[in-house]
């Protein structure tokens, strides 16, 4: 039975992930807390290695067997920890759809795309072969595949990269999920196609009144397209709050560095983009304190020794973990219009 309409569709509480290794386990994610309300969108951003994909795989129950997941994960009010693997897979399959980052490798080159879309409907909804085929054709048409009935029997190599991603979106929607997760869904696409795919996701979310998670290392993808944003660094949540507020008034030094690395439309031609010096922390040698301290220009001794607790801004929905946060009265920063539409803006 579903929870109340205003409850969260997804909640993660004190979630951590360890990879079994010697001489000691590797800490991939630590003490992750967030939720996604119904009919809202969340952006999850961070550099490569921040833990974004591992977070999604852990939620979906598809993390490698060497990964130990602790904490509480609930979907539609149901705690997943007590479910057996098959029961959990069936439950998640009906409630959550996912679009992976590379359609070139996500689609089986030896199976017609229509059958790949229909497969989940047969497995999770128990539809007949004919009913699943009709549903797949309908969704292929919804995502913009012309002559969907004919294309049902085509193979992935018949389609462009953008069309392949639309097919993956159709596969993610086939069970009519309450939450759709797009994990770096526009990474392998050019800028124009990126915008088309993001517009499609936004339109589908609004029409189907579902929740959406956009995972990206590109801040331009989440700007103007999500209600809230969660910033990951070194396997930790360093900032979390309403997207507009975080973009206008970042409090964590890492968030500010990511925003500063975004290209600006008013910059002179051939201007050098700002970069973040150093490298993300190694899983085998994470610092005891703030994971961003080795790359932070204002880090103090306490930053290197003690992980800062999550503080709450004046707006209780805006949280950050920084010993030396940016002042709340810092100059407001709004993303450029073209960046807010998901056209450009790279920060990896």
C-alpha atoms as a PDB file:
ATOM      1  CA  UNK A   1       0.000   0.000   0.000  1.00  0.00           C
ATOM      2  CA  UNK A   2       1.359   3.458  -0.907  1.00  0.00           C
ATOM      3  CA  UNK A   3       2.158   6.089   1.644  1.00  0.00           C
ATOM      4  CA  UNK A   4       0.381   9.411   1.954  1.00  0.00           C
ATOM      5  CA  UNK A   5       0.554  11.585  -1.186  1.00  0.00           C
ATOM      6  CA  UNK A   6       2.781  14.187   0.501  1.00  0.00           C
ATOM      7  CA  UNK A   7       5.334  11.683   1.832  1.00  0.00           C
ATOM      8  CA  UNK A   8       8.746  11.101   0.282  1.00  0.00           C
ATOM      9  CA  UNK A   9       9.015   8.599  -2.538  1.00  0.00           C
ATOM     10  CA  UNK A  10      12.670   7.933  -1.594  1.00  0.00           C
ATOM     11  CA  UNK A  11      14.505   8.343   1.705  1.00  0.00           C
ATOM     12  CA  UNK A  12      18.107   7.517   2.587  1.00  0.00           C
ATOM     13  CA  UNK A  13      19.097   7.758   6.246  1.00  0.00           C
ATOM     14  CA  UNK A  14      22.691   7.408   7.463  1.00  0.00           C
ATOM     15  CA  UNK A  15      23.563   5.323   4.432  1.00  0.00           C
ATOM     16  CA  UNK A  16      27.160   4.166   4.026  1.00  0.00           C
ATOM     17  CA  UNK A  17      28.925   1.887   1.538  1.00  0.00           C
ATOM     18  CA  UNK A  18      32.110  -0.091   2.153  1.00  0.00           C
ATOM     19  CA  UNK A  19      34.044  -2.121  -0.407  1.00  0.00           C
ATOM     20  CA  UNK A  20      35.645  -5.255   0.997  1.00  0.00           C
ATOM     21  CA  UNK A  21      39.390  -4.877   0.564  1.00  0.00           C
ATOM     22  CA  UNK A  22      42.692  -5.476   2.342  1.00  0.00           C
ATOM     23  CA  UNK A  23      44.210  -4.310   4.608  1.00  0.00           C
ATOM     24  CA  UNK A  24      40.912  -2.563   5.449  1.00  0.00           C
ATOM     25  CA  UNK A  25      37.583  -1.819   3.710  1.00  0.00           C
ATOM     26  CA  UNK A  26      37.349   1.206   1.418  1.00  0.00           C
ATOM     27  CA  UNK A  27      34.814   3.849   2.443  1.00  0.00           C
ATOM     28  CA  UNK A  28      32.936   4.803  -0.731  1.00  0.00           C
ATOM     29  CA  UNK A  29      29.939   6.605   0.825  1.00  0.00           C
ATOM     30  CA  UNK A  30      29.582   7.819   4.413  1.00  0.00           C
ATOM     31  CA  UNK A  31      26.483   8.900   6.338  1.00  0.00           C
ATOM     32  CA  UNK A  32      24.336   9.932   3.378  1.00  0.00           C
ATOM     33  CA  UNK A  33      21.024  11.587   4.292  1.00  0.00           C
ATOM     34  CA  UNK A  34      18.490  12.905   1.798  1.00  0.00           C
ATOM     35  CA  UNK A  35      14.947  12.414   0.546  1.00  0.00           C
ATOM     36  CA  UNK A  36      12.977  12.991  -2.634  1.00  0.00           C
ATOM     37  CA  UNK A  37       9.423  14.250  -2.249  1.00  0.00           C
ATOM     38  CA  UNK A  38       6.713  13.119  -4.618  1.00  0.00           C
ATOM     39  CA  UNK A  39       6.466  14.997  -7.917  1.00  0.00           C
ATOM     40  CA  UNK A  40       9.726  16.871  -7.274  1.00  0.00           C
ATOM     41  CA  UNK A  41      13.190  16.653  -8.805  1.00  0.00           C
ATOM     42  CA  UNK A  42      16.599  16.271  -7.162  1.00  0.00           C
ATOM     43  CA  UNK A  43      19.986  16.930  -8.734  1.00  0.00           C
ATOM     44  CA  UNK A  44      23.010  14.974  -7.483  1.00  0.00           C
ATOM     45  CA  UNK A  45      26.284  16.595  -8.551  1.00  0.00           C
ATOM     46  CA  UNK A  46      29.981  16.085  -7.971  1.00  0.00           C
ATOM     47  CA  UNK A  47      33.215  15.249  -9.757  1.00  0.00           C
ATOM     48  CA  UNK A  48      34.045  11.786 -11.046  1.00  0.00           C
ATOM     49  CA  UNK A  49      34.783   9.580  -8.052  1.00  0.00           C
ATOM     50  CA  UNK A  50      32.488  11.501  -5.696  1.00  0.00           C
ATOM     51  CA  UNK A  51      30.284   8.425  -5.252  1.00  0.00           C
ATOM     52  CA  UNK A  52      27.287   9.387  -7.413  1.00  0.00           C
ATOM     53  CA  UNK A  53      26.962   6.142  -9.361  1.00  0.00           C
ATOM     54  CA  UNK A  54      27.635   3.994  -6.299  1.00  0.00           C
ATOM     55  CA  UNK A  55      24.848   5.845  -4.488  1.00  0.00           C
ATOM     56  CA  UNK A  56      22.398   5.067  -7.284  1.00  0.00           C
ATOM     57  CA  UNK A  57      23.507   1.436  -7.595  1.00  0.00           C
ATOM     58  CA  UNK A  58      23.123   0.958  -3.839  1.00  0.00           C
ATOM     59  CA  UNK A  59      19.602   2.393  -3.909  1.00  0.00           C
ATOM     60  CA  UNK A  60      18.649   0.193  -6.865  1.00  0.00           C
ATOM     61  CA  UNK A  61      20.215  -2.904  -5.289  1.00  0.00           C
ATOM     62  CA  UNK A  62      22.626  -3.452  -8.190  1.00  0.00           C
ATOM     63  CA  UNK A  63      25.901  -2.631  -6.431  1.00  0.00           C
ATOM     64  CA  UNK A  64      28.651  -5.286  -6.727  1.00  0.00           C
ATOM     65  CA  UNK A  65      28.575  -8.064  -4.136  1.00  0.00           C
ATOM     66  CA  UNK A  66      31.795  -6.721  -2.619  1.00  0.00           C
ATOM     67  CA  UNK A  67      29.925  -3.552  -1.533  1.00  0.00           C
ATOM     68  CA  UNK A  68      28.425  -3.566   1.965  1.00  0.00           C
ATOM     69  CA  UNK A  69      25.534  -1.127   2.318  1.00  0.00           C
ATOM     70  CA  UNK A  70      24.377   0.040   5.744  1.00  0.00           C
ATOM     71  CA  UNK A  71      21.750   2.506   6.918  1.00  0.00           C
ATOM     72  CA  UNK A  72      18.107   2.811   5.924  1.00  0.00           C
ATOM     73  CA  UNK A  73      16.768   3.077   2.371  1.00  0.00           C
ATOM     74  CA  UNK A  74      13.020   3.284   1.867  1.00  0.00           C
ATOM     75  CA  UNK A  75      10.957   3.649  -1.294  1.00  0.00           C
ATOM     76  CA  UNK A  76       7.297   4.645  -1.104  1.00  0.00           C
ATOM     77  CA  UNK A  77       7.483   4.196   2.658  1.00  0.00           C
ATOM     78  CA  UNK A  78       8.781   0.609   2.429  1.00  0.00           C
ATOM     79  CA  UNK A  79      12.106  -0.191   4.126  1.00  0.00           C
ATOM     80  CA  UNK A  80      14.216  -2.172   1.663  1.00  0.00           C
ATOM     81  CA  UNK A  81      16.613  -3.637   4.225  1.00  0.00           C
ATOM     82  CA  UNK A  82      14.260  -6.401   5.306  1.00  0.00           C
ATOM     83  CA  UNK A  83      13.425  -7.569   1.787  1.00  0.00           C
ATOM     84  CA  UNK A  84      14.897 -10.636   0.152  1.00  0.00           C
ATOM     85  CA  UNK A  85      16.859  -9.938  -3.067  1.00  0.00           C
ATOM     86  CA  UNK A  86      14.142 -11.136  -5.469  1.00  0.00           C
ATOM     87  CA  UNK A  87      11.407  -9.355  -3.532  1.00  0.00           C
ATOM     88  CA  UNK A  88      13.461  -6.158  -3.472  1.00  0.00           C
ATOM     89  CA  UNK A  89      14.235  -6.343  -7.208  1.00  0.00           C
ATOM     90  CA  UNK A  90      10.558  -6.807  -8.057  1.00  0.00           C
ATOM     91  CA  UNK A  91       9.478  -3.966  -5.771  1.00  0.00           C
ATOM     92  CA  UNK A  92      12.092  -1.527  -7.091  1.00  0.00           C
ATOM     93  CA  UNK A  93      11.364  -2.577 -10.684  1.00  0.00           C
ATOM     94  CA  UNK A  94       7.757  -1.454 -10.289  1.00  0.00           C
ATOM     95  CA  UNK A  95       8.461   1.752  -8.367  1.00  0.00           C
ATOM     96  CA  UNK A  96      11.702   3.091  -9.864  1.00  0.00           C
ATOM     97  CA  UNK A  97      12.898   3.457 -13.448  1.00  0.00           C
ATOM     98  CA  UNK A  98      16.499   4.170 -14.367  1.00  0.00           C
ATOM     99  CA  UNK A  99      18.253   5.611 -17.414  1.00  0.00           C
ATOM    100  CA  UNK A 100      21.950   4.721 -17.489  1.00  0.00           C
ATOM    101  CA  UNK A 101      24.654   7.049 -18.713  1.00  0.00           C
ATOM    102  CA  UNK A 102      25.832   5.312 -21.869  1.00  0.00           C
ATOM    103  CA  UNK A 103      23.127   3.950 -24.192  1.00  0.00           C
ATOM    104  CA  UNK A 104      25.856   2.549 -26.453  1.00  0.00           C
ATOM    105  CA  UNK A 105      26.685  -0.059 -23.806  1.00  0.00           C
ATOM    106  CA  UNK A 106      23.344  -0.236 -21.960  1.00  0.00           C
ATOM    107  CA  UNK A 107      21.464  -1.585 -24.982  1.00  0.00           C
ATOM    108  CA  UNK A 108      22.132  -5.155 -26.103  1.00  0.00           C
ATOM    109  CA  UNK A 109      23.331  -4.923 -29.721  1.00  0.00           C
ATOM    110  CA  UNK A 110      21.907  -8.381 -30.547  1.00  0.00           C
ATOM    111  CA  UNK A 111      18.313  -7.782 -29.377  1.00  0.00           C
ATOM    112  CA  UNK A 112      15.725  -5.548 -31.115  1.00  0.00           C
ATOM    113  CA  UNK A 113      15.144  -2.348 -29.131  1.00  0.00           C
ATOM    114  CA  UNK A 114      11.407  -2.967 -28.808  1.00  0.00           C
ATOM    115  CA  UNK A 115      11.970  -6.277 -27.069  1.00  0.00           C
ATOM    116  CA  UNK A 116      14.439  -4.605 -24.698  1.00  0.00           C
ATOM    117  CA  UNK A 117      11.832  -1.992 -23.767  1.00  0.00           C
ATOM    118  CA  UNK A 118       9.089  -4.608 -23.360  1.00  0.00           C
ATOM    119  CA  UNK A 119      11.174  -6.953 -21.216  1.00  0.00           C
ATOM    120  CA  UNK A 120      10.627  -5.117 -17.920  1.00  0.00           C
ATOM    121  CA  UNK A 121       6.871  -4.930 -18.508  1.00  0.00           C
ATOM    122  CA  UNK A 122       6.708  -8.704 -18.882  1.00  0.00           C
ATOM    123  CA  UNK A 123       8.956  -9.335 -15.881  1.00  0.00           C
ATOM    124  CA  UNK A 124       7.571  -6.812 -13.379  1.00  0.00           C
ATOM    125  CA  UNK A 125       3.993  -6.261 -14.564  1.00  0.00           C
ATOM    126  CA  UNK A 126       3.257  -9.767 -15.802  1.00  0.00           C
ATOM    127  CA  UNK A 127       1.994  -8.544 -19.178  1.00  0.00           C
ATOM    128  CA  UNK A 128       1.541 -10.914 -22.067  1.00  0.00           C
ATOM    129  CA  UNK A 129       3.947 -10.737 -24.992  1.00  0.00           C
ATOM    130  CA  UNK A 130       1.394  -8.826 -27.094  1.00  0.00           C
ATOM    131  CA  UNK A 131       0.438  -6.406 -24.300  1.00  0.00           C
ATOM    132  CA  UNK A 132       4.101  -5.718 -23.515  1.00  0.00           C
ATOM    133  CA  UNK A 133       4.773  -5.113 -27.224  1.00  0.00           C
ATOM    134  CA  UNK A 134       1.906  -2.618 -27.465  1.00  0.00           C
ATOM    135  CA  UNK A 135       3.116  -0.834 -24.342  1.00  0.00           C
ATOM    136  CA  UNK A 136       6.654  -0.626 -25.699  1.00  0.00           C
ATOM    137  CA  UNK A 137       5.439   0.808 -29.017  1.00  0.00           C
ATOM    138  CA  UNK A 138       3.340   3.386 -27.177  1.00  0.00           C
ATOM    139  CA  UNK A 139       6.312   4.522 -25.072  1.00  0.00           C
ATOM    140  CA  UNK A 140       8.701   4.594 -28.021  1.00  0.00           C
ATOM    141  CA  UNK A 141       6.255   6.983 -29.641  1.00  0.00           C
ATOM    142  CA  UNK A 142       5.996   9.051 -26.432  1.00  0.00           C
ATOM    143  CA  UNK A 143       9.768   9.606 -26.333  1.00  0.00           C
ATOM    144  CA  UNK A 144       9.866  10.753 -29.951  1.00  0.00           C
ATOM    145  CA  UNK A 145      10.732   7.642 -31.980  1.00  0.00           C
ATOM    146  CA  UNK A 146       8.987   8.061 -35.346  1.00  0.00           C
ATOM    147  CA  UNK A 147       7.212   5.006 -36.801  1.00  0.00           C
ATOM    148  CA  UNK A 148       7.517   3.274 -33.441  1.00  0.00           C
ATOM    149  CA  UNK A 149       5.735   0.100 -34.572  1.00  0.00           C
ATOM    150  CA  UNK A 150       8.233  -0.403 -37.378  1.00  0.00           C
ATOM    151  CA  UNK A 151      11.214   0.596 -35.200  1.00  0.00           C
ATOM    152  CA  UNK A 152      10.182  -1.989 -32.597  1.00  0.00           C
ATOM    153  CA  UNK A 153      12.126  -4.608 -34.542  1.00  0.00           C
ATOM    154  CA  UNK A 154      15.170  -2.450 -35.294  1.00  0.00           C
ATOM    155  CA  UNK A 155      18.525  -3.036 -33.604  1.00  0.00           C
ATOM    156  CA  UNK A 156      20.484  -0.405 -31.618  1.00  0.00           C
ATOM    157  CA  UNK A 157      22.944   0.235 -34.468  1.00  0.00           C
ATOM    158  CA  UNK A 158      20.083   1.655 -36.528  1.00  0.00           C
ATOM    159  CA  UNK A 159      19.768   4.642 -34.177  1.00  0.00           C
ATOM    160  CA  UNK A 160      21.842   7.714 -33.342  1.00  0.00           C
ATOM    161  CA  UNK A 161      23.153   8.344 -29.829  1.00  0.00           C
ATOM    162  CA  UNK A 162      20.284  10.678 -29.001  1.00  0.00           C
ATOM    163  CA  UNK A 163      17.701   8.190 -30.273  1.00  0.00           C
ATOM    164  CA  UNK A 164      19.333   5.404 -28.248  1.00  0.00           C
ATOM    165  CA  UNK A 165      18.976   7.524 -25.119  1.00  0.00           C
ATOM    166  CA  UNK A 166      15.309   8.116 -25.908  1.00  0.00           C
ATOM    167  CA  UNK A 167      14.888   4.342 -26.152  1.00  0.00           C
ATOM    168  CA  UNK A 168      16.536   3.984 -22.729  1.00  0.00           C
ATOM    169  CA  UNK A 169      14.077   6.533 -21.335  1.00  0.00           C
ATOM    170  CA  UNK A 170      11.205   4.490 -22.783  1.00  0.00           C
ATOM    171  CA  UNK A 171      12.621   1.389 -21.063  1.00  0.00           C
ATOM    172  CA  UNK A 172      12.809   3.312 -17.784  1.00  0.00           C
ATOM    173  CA  UNK A 173       9.154   4.320 -18.084  1.00  0.00           C
ATOM    174  CA  UNK A 174       7.695   0.978 -19.132  1.00  0.00           C
ATOM    175  CA  UNK A 175       6.500   0.055 -15.612  1.00  0.00           C
ATOM    176  CA  UNK A 176       5.023   3.539 -15.042  1.00  0.00           C
ATOM    177  CA  UNK A 177       7.425   4.275 -12.139  1.00  0.00           C
ATOM    178  CA  UNK A 178       6.839   6.841  -9.420  1.00  0.00           C
ATOM    179  CA  UNK A 179      10.526   7.805  -9.542  1.00  0.00           C
ATOM    180  CA  UNK A 180      12.825   7.996 -12.568  1.00  0.00           C
ATOM    181  CA  UNK A 181      16.604   8.163 -12.077  1.00  0.00           C
ATOM    182  CA  UNK A 182      18.736   9.567 -14.905  1.00  0.00           C
ATOM    183  CA  UNK A 183      22.335   8.622 -14.109  1.00  0.00           C
ATOM    184  CA  UNK A 184      24.583  10.864 -16.232  1.00  0.00           C
ATOM    185  CA  UNK A 185      22.015  10.411 -18.992  1.00  0.00           C
ATOM    186  CA  UNK A 186      23.454  13.152 -21.227  1.00  0.00           C
ATOM    187  CA  UNK A 187      27.199  12.573 -20.765  1.00  0.00           C
ATOM    188  CA  UNK A 188      27.903  10.966 -24.147  1.00  0.00           C
ATOM    189  CA  UNK A 189      25.706  13.375 -26.152  1.00  0.00           C
ATOM    190  CA  UNK A 190      26.504  16.652 -27.855  1.00  0.00           C
ATOM    191  CA  UNK A 191      25.124  19.893 -26.414  1.00  0.00           C
ATOM    192  CA  UNK A 192      22.095  20.181 -28.694  1.00  0.00           C
ATOM    193  CA  UNK A 193      21.005  16.591 -28.086  1.00  0.00           C
ATOM    194  CA  UNK A 194      21.640  17.017 -24.346  1.00  0.00           C
ATOM    195  CA  UNK A 195      19.065  19.778 -24.235  1.00  0.00           C
ATOM    196  CA  UNK A 196      16.556  17.722 -26.204  1.00  0.00           C
ATOM    197  CA  UNK A 197      16.909  14.770 -23.804  1.00  0.00           C
ATOM    198  CA  UNK A 198      16.680  17.003 -20.716  1.00  0.00           C
ATOM    199  CA  UNK A 199      13.603  18.758 -22.106  1.00  0.00           C
ATOM    200  CA  UNK A 200      12.045  15.351 -22.761  1.00  0.00           C
ATOM    201  CA  UNK A 201      12.743  14.173 -19.199  1.00  0.00           C
ATOM    202  CA  UNK A 202      11.279  17.365 -17.755  1.00  0.00           C
ATOM    203  CA  UNK A 203       8.153  17.114 -19.912  1.00  0.00           C
ATOM    204  CA  UNK A 204       7.608  13.456 -19.027  1.00  0.00           C
ATOM    205  CA  UNK A 205       8.047  14.183 -15.322  1.00  0.00           C
ATOM    206  CA  UNK A 206       5.427  16.932 -15.442  1.00  0.00           C
ATOM    207  CA  UNK A 207       2.950  14.960 -17.547  1.00  0.00           C
ATOM    208  CA  UNK A 208       3.258  11.762 -15.479  1.00  0.00           C
ATOM    209  CA  UNK A 209       3.524  13.637 -12.162  1.00  0.00           C
ATOM    210  CA  UNK A 210       6.442  11.500 -11.024  1.00  0.00           C
ATOM    211  CA  UNK A 211       9.657  12.279  -9.157  1.00  0.00           C
ATOM    212  CA  UNK A 212      12.993  12.654 -10.928  1.00  0.00           C
ATOM    213  CA  UNK A 213      16.652  12.369  -9.933  1.00  0.00           C
ATOM    214  CA  UNK A 214      19.221  13.896 -12.301  1.00  0.00           C
ATOM    215  CA  UNK A 215      22.758  12.670 -11.590  1.00  0.00           C
ATOM    216  CA  UNK A 216      25.523  14.676 -13.248  1.00  0.00           C
ATOM    217  CA  UNK A 217      28.981  16.204 -12.956  1.00  0.00           C
ATOM    218  CA  UNK A 218      27.632  19.068 -15.085  1.00  0.00           C
ATOM    219  CA  UNK A 219      26.047  21.809 -12.989  1.00  0.00           C
ATOM    220  CA  UNK A 220      24.282  23.146 -16.069  1.00  0.00           C
ATOM    221  CA  UNK A 221      22.168  19.968 -16.165  1.00  0.00           C
ATOM    222  CA  UNK A 222      20.610  20.561 -12.731  1.00  0.00           C
ATOM    223  CA  UNK A 223      20.424  24.375 -12.816  1.00  0.00           C
ATOM    224  CA  UNK A 224      16.864  25.469 -13.496  1.00  0.00           C
ATOM    225  CA  UNK A 225      15.696  21.864 -13.856  1.00  0.00           C
ATOM    226  CA  UNK A 226      15.623  20.540 -10.285  1.00  0.00           C
ATOM    227  CA  UNK A 227      13.896  21.577  -7.070  1.00  0.00           C
ATOM    228  CA  UNK A 228      16.762  20.532  -4.809  1.00  0.00           C
ATOM    229  CA  UNK A 229      20.427  19.721  -5.279  1.00  0.00           C
ATOM    230  CA  UNK A 230      22.736  17.441  -3.314  1.00  0.00           C
ATOM    231  CA  UNK A 231      26.486  18.070  -3.678  1.00  0.00           C
ATOM    232  CA  UNK A 232      28.697  15.016  -3.134  1.00  0.00           C
ATOM    233  CA  UNK A 233      32.433  15.100  -2.555  1.00  0.00           C
ATOM    234  CA  UNK A 234      34.659  12.276  -1.393  1.00  0.00           C
ATOM    235  CA  UNK A 235      31.647  10.097  -0.628  1.00  0.00           C
ATOM    236  CA  UNK A 236      30.058  12.708   1.663  1.00  0.00           C
ATOM    237  CA  UNK A 237      27.215  15.180   1.342  1.00  0.00           C
ATOM    238  CA  UNK A 238      28.858  18.600   1.603  1.00  0.00           C
ATOM    239  CA  UNK A 239      25.823  20.727   0.684  1.00  0.00           C
ATOM    240  CA  UNK A 240      22.123  20.058   0.202  1.00  0.00           C
ATOM    241  CA  UNK A 241      19.184  22.364  -0.329  1.00  0.00           C
ATOM    242  CA  UNK A 242      16.879  24.142  -2.787  1.00  0.00           C
ATOM    243  CA  UNK A 243      18.681  24.398  -6.119  1.00  0.00           C
ATOM    244  CA  UNK A 244      18.020  28.109  -6.616  1.00  0.00           C
ATOM    245  CA  UNK A 245      19.281  28.922  -3.112  1.00  0.00           C
ATOM    246  CA  UNK A 246      22.419  26.794  -3.418  1.00  0.00           C
ATOM    247  CA  UNK A 247      23.282  28.373  -6.772  1.00  0.00           C
ATOM    248  CA  UNK A 248      22.613  31.919  -5.532  1.00  0.00           C
ATOM    249  CA  UNK A 249      24.242  31.536  -2.159  1.00  0.00           C
ATOM    250  CA  UNK A 250      26.600  28.519  -1.854  1.00  0.00           C
ATOM    251  CA  UNK A 251      27.930  27.970   1.654  1.00  0.00           C
ATOM    252  CA  UNK A 252      30.459  25.145   1.157  1.00  0.00           C
ATOM    253  CA  UNK A 253      33.810  25.987  -0.433  1.00  0.00           C
ATOM    254  CA  UNK A 254      33.560  23.033  -2.828  1.00  0.00           C
ATOM    255  CA  UNK A 255      30.171  24.126  -4.146  1.00  0.00           C
ATOM    256  CA  UNK A 256      31.532  27.622  -4.671  1.00  0.00           C
ATOM    257  CA  UNK A 257      34.539  26.184  -6.527  1.00  0.00           C
ATOM    258  CA  UNK A 258      32.275  24.176  -8.829  1.00  0.00           C
ATOM    259  CA  UNK A 259      30.188  27.242  -9.601  1.00  0.00           C
ATOM    260  CA  UNK A 260      33.296  29.319 -10.258  1.00  0.00           C
ATOM    261  CA  UNK A 261      34.502  26.714 -12.755  1.00  0.00           C
ATOM    262  CA  UNK A 262      31.394  27.158 -14.882  1.00  0.00           C
ATOM    263  CA  UNK A 263      31.866  29.207 -18.070  1.00  0.00           C
ATOM    264  CA  UNK A 264      30.179  32.626 -18.044  1.00  0.00           C
ATOM    265  CA  UNK A 265      28.508  34.233 -21.040  1.00  0.00           C
ATOM    266  CA  UNK A 266      29.953  37.650 -20.189  1.00  0.00           C
ATOM    267  CA  UNK A 267      33.563  36.409 -20.177  1.00  0.00           C
ATOM    268  CA  UNK A 268      35.830  37.710 -22.960  1.00  0.00           C
ATOM    269  CA  UNK A 269      36.590  35.239 -25.736  1.00  0.00           C
ATOM    270  CA  UNK A 270      39.432  32.796 -25.018  1.00  0.00           C
ATOM    271  CA  UNK A 271      39.283  33.459 -21.270  1.00  0.00           C
ATOM    272  CA  UNK A 272      40.887  30.732 -19.167  1.00  0.00           C
ATOM    273  CA  UNK A 273      38.353  28.811 -17.126  1.00  0.00           C
ATOM    274  CA  UNK A 274      38.903  28.529 -13.395  1.00  0.00           C
ATOM    275  CA  UNK A 275      39.861  25.077 -12.182  1.00  0.00           C
ATOM    276  CA  UNK A 276      39.998  23.352  -8.819  1.00  0.00           C
ATOM    277  CA  UNK A 277      43.622  22.485  -7.989  1.00  0.00           C
ATOM    278  CA  UNK A 278      44.549  19.018  -6.811  1.00  0.00           C
ATOM    279  CA  UNK A 279      42.707  15.720  -7.109  1.00  0.00           C
ATOM    280  CA  UNK A 280      39.694  14.146  -5.371  1.00  0.00           C
ATOM    281  CA  UNK A 281      40.623  11.999  -2.367  1.00  0.00           C
ATOM    282  CA  UNK A 282      41.684   8.401  -2.886  1.00  0.00           C
ATOM    283  CA  UNK A 283      39.385   5.757  -1.409  1.00  0.00           C
ATOM    284  CA  UNK A 284      42.462   4.138   0.138  1.00  0.00           C
ATOM    285  CA  UNK A 285      43.684   7.315   1.841  1.00  0.00           C
ATOM    286  CA  UNK A 286      40.749   9.498   2.804  1.00  0.00           C
ATOM    287  CA  UNK A 287      41.541  12.390   5.180  1.00  0.00           C
ATOM    288  CA  UNK A 288      40.147  12.282   8.700  1.00  0.00           C
ATOM    289  CA  UNK A 289      38.616  15.739   8.408  1.00  0.00           C
ATOM    290  CA  UNK A 290      36.808  17.451   5.570  1.00  0.00           C
ATOM    291  CA  UNK A 291      37.531  15.550   2.338  1.00  0.00           C
ATOM    292  CA  UNK A 292      37.917  18.862   0.478  1.00  0.00           C
ATOM    293  CA  UNK A 293      40.497  20.284   2.924  1.00  0.00           C
ATOM    294  CA  UNK A 294      43.577  19.304   0.831  1.00  0.00           C
ATOM    295  CA  UNK A 295      42.238  21.356  -2.098  1.00  0.00           C
ATOM    296  CA  UNK A 296      40.682  24.231  -0.146  1.00  0.00           C
ATOM    297  CA  UNK A 297      42.531  27.568  -0.161  1.00  0.00           C
ATOM    298  CA  UNK A 298      41.244  28.576   3.302  1.00  0.00           C
ATOM    299  CA  UNK A 299      41.419  25.225   5.116  1.00  0.00           C
ATOM    300  CA  UNK A 300      42.488  25.447   8.764  1.00  0.00           C
ATOM    301  CA  UNK A 301      43.948  22.784  11.036  1.00  0.00           C
ATOM    302  CA  UNK A 302      40.504  21.767  12.295  1.00  0.00           C
ATOM    303  CA  UNK A 303      39.369  21.188   8.710  1.00  0.00           C
ATOM    304  CA  UNK A 304      42.117  18.586   8.278  1.00  0.00           C
ATOM    305  CA  UNK A 305      41.453  16.872  11.613  1.00  0.00           C
ATOM    306  CA  UNK A 306      37.676  16.900  12.138  1.00  0.00           C
ATOM    307  CA  UNK A 307      34.860  16.197   9.721  1.00  0.00           C
ATOM    308  CA  UNK A 308      32.504  19.199  10.025  1.00  0.00           C
ATOM    309  CA  UNK A 309      28.950  18.462  11.134  1.00  0.00           C
ATOM    310  CA  UNK A 310      26.022  19.316   8.883  1.00  0.00           C
ATOM    311  CA  UNK A 311      24.939  22.871   9.706  1.00  0.00           C
ATOM    312  CA  UNK A 312      21.599  24.426   8.850  1.00  0.00           C
ATOM    313  CA  UNK A 313      21.261  27.812   7.164  1.00  0.00           C
ATOM    314  CA  UNK A 314      18.534  30.289   8.062  1.00  0.00           C
ATOM    315  CA  UNK A 315      16.353  28.401   5.604  1.00  0.00           C
ATOM    316  CA  UNK A 316      16.179  25.027   7.337  1.00  0.00           C
ATOM    317  CA  UNK A 317      16.123  23.249   3.958  1.00  0.00           C
ATOM    318  CA  UNK A 318      19.639  24.484   3.114  1.00  0.00           C
ATOM    319  CA  UNK A 319      22.368  22.457   4.849  1.00  0.00           C
ATOM    320  CA  UNK A 320      26.147  22.350   4.509  1.00  0.00           C
ATOM    321  CA  UNK A 321      29.158  20.689   6.163  1.00  0.00           C
ATOM    322  CA  UNK A 322      31.954  23.261   6.431  1.00  0.00           C
ATOM    323  CA  UNK A 323      33.982  24.620   9.367  1.00  0.00           C
ATOM    324  CA  UNK A 324      34.628  27.870   7.475  1.00  0.00           C
ATOM    325  CA  UNK A 325      31.525  28.389   5.333  1.00  0.00           C
ATOM    326  CA  UNK A 326      31.022  31.254   2.966  1.00  0.00           C
ATOM    327  CA  UNK A 327      29.071  34.105   4.507  1.00  0.00           C
ATOM    328  CA  UNK A 328      25.338  34.048   3.990  1.00  0.00           C
ATOM    329  CA  UNK A 329      25.572  37.623   2.680  1.00  0.00           C
ATOM    330  CA  UNK A 330      27.983  36.640  -0.089  1.00  0.00           C
ATOM    331  CA  UNK A 331      27.174  38.159  -3.504  1.00  0.00           C
ATOM    332  CA  UNK A 332      24.268  36.370  -5.102  1.00  0.00           C
ATOM    333  CA  UNK A 333      25.140  34.254  -8.123  1.00  0.00           C
ATOM    334  CA  UNK A 334      22.582  33.117 -10.665  1.00  0.00           C
ATOM    335  CA  UNK A 335      23.396  30.709 -13.496  1.00  0.00           C
ATOM    336  CA  UNK A 336      23.437  32.171 -16.975  1.00  0.00           C
ATOM    337  CA  UNK A 337      20.207  31.492 -18.906  1.00  0.00           C
ATOM    338  CA  UNK A 338      21.879  29.135 -21.376  1.00  0.00           C
ATOM    339  CA  UNK A 339      23.483  27.202 -18.511  1.00  0.00           C
ATOM    340  CA  UNK A 340      20.187  27.024 -16.644  1.00  0.00           C
ATOM    341  CA  UNK A 341      18.674  25.310 -19.669  1.00  0.00           C
ATOM    342  CA  UNK A 342      21.261  22.538 -19.477  1.00  0.00           C
ATOM    343  CA  UNK A 343      23.088  23.601 -22.591  1.00  0.00           C
ATOM    344  CA  UNK A 344      26.613  24.083 -21.274  1.00  0.00           C
ATOM    345  CA  UNK A 345      28.528  24.234 -18.050  1.00  0.00           C
ATOM    346  CA  UNK A 346      31.106  21.564 -17.327  1.00  0.00           C
ATOM    347  CA  UNK A 347      32.753  21.104 -13.945  1.00  0.00           C
ATOM    348  CA  UNK A 348      34.573  17.835 -13.863  1.00  0.00           C
END
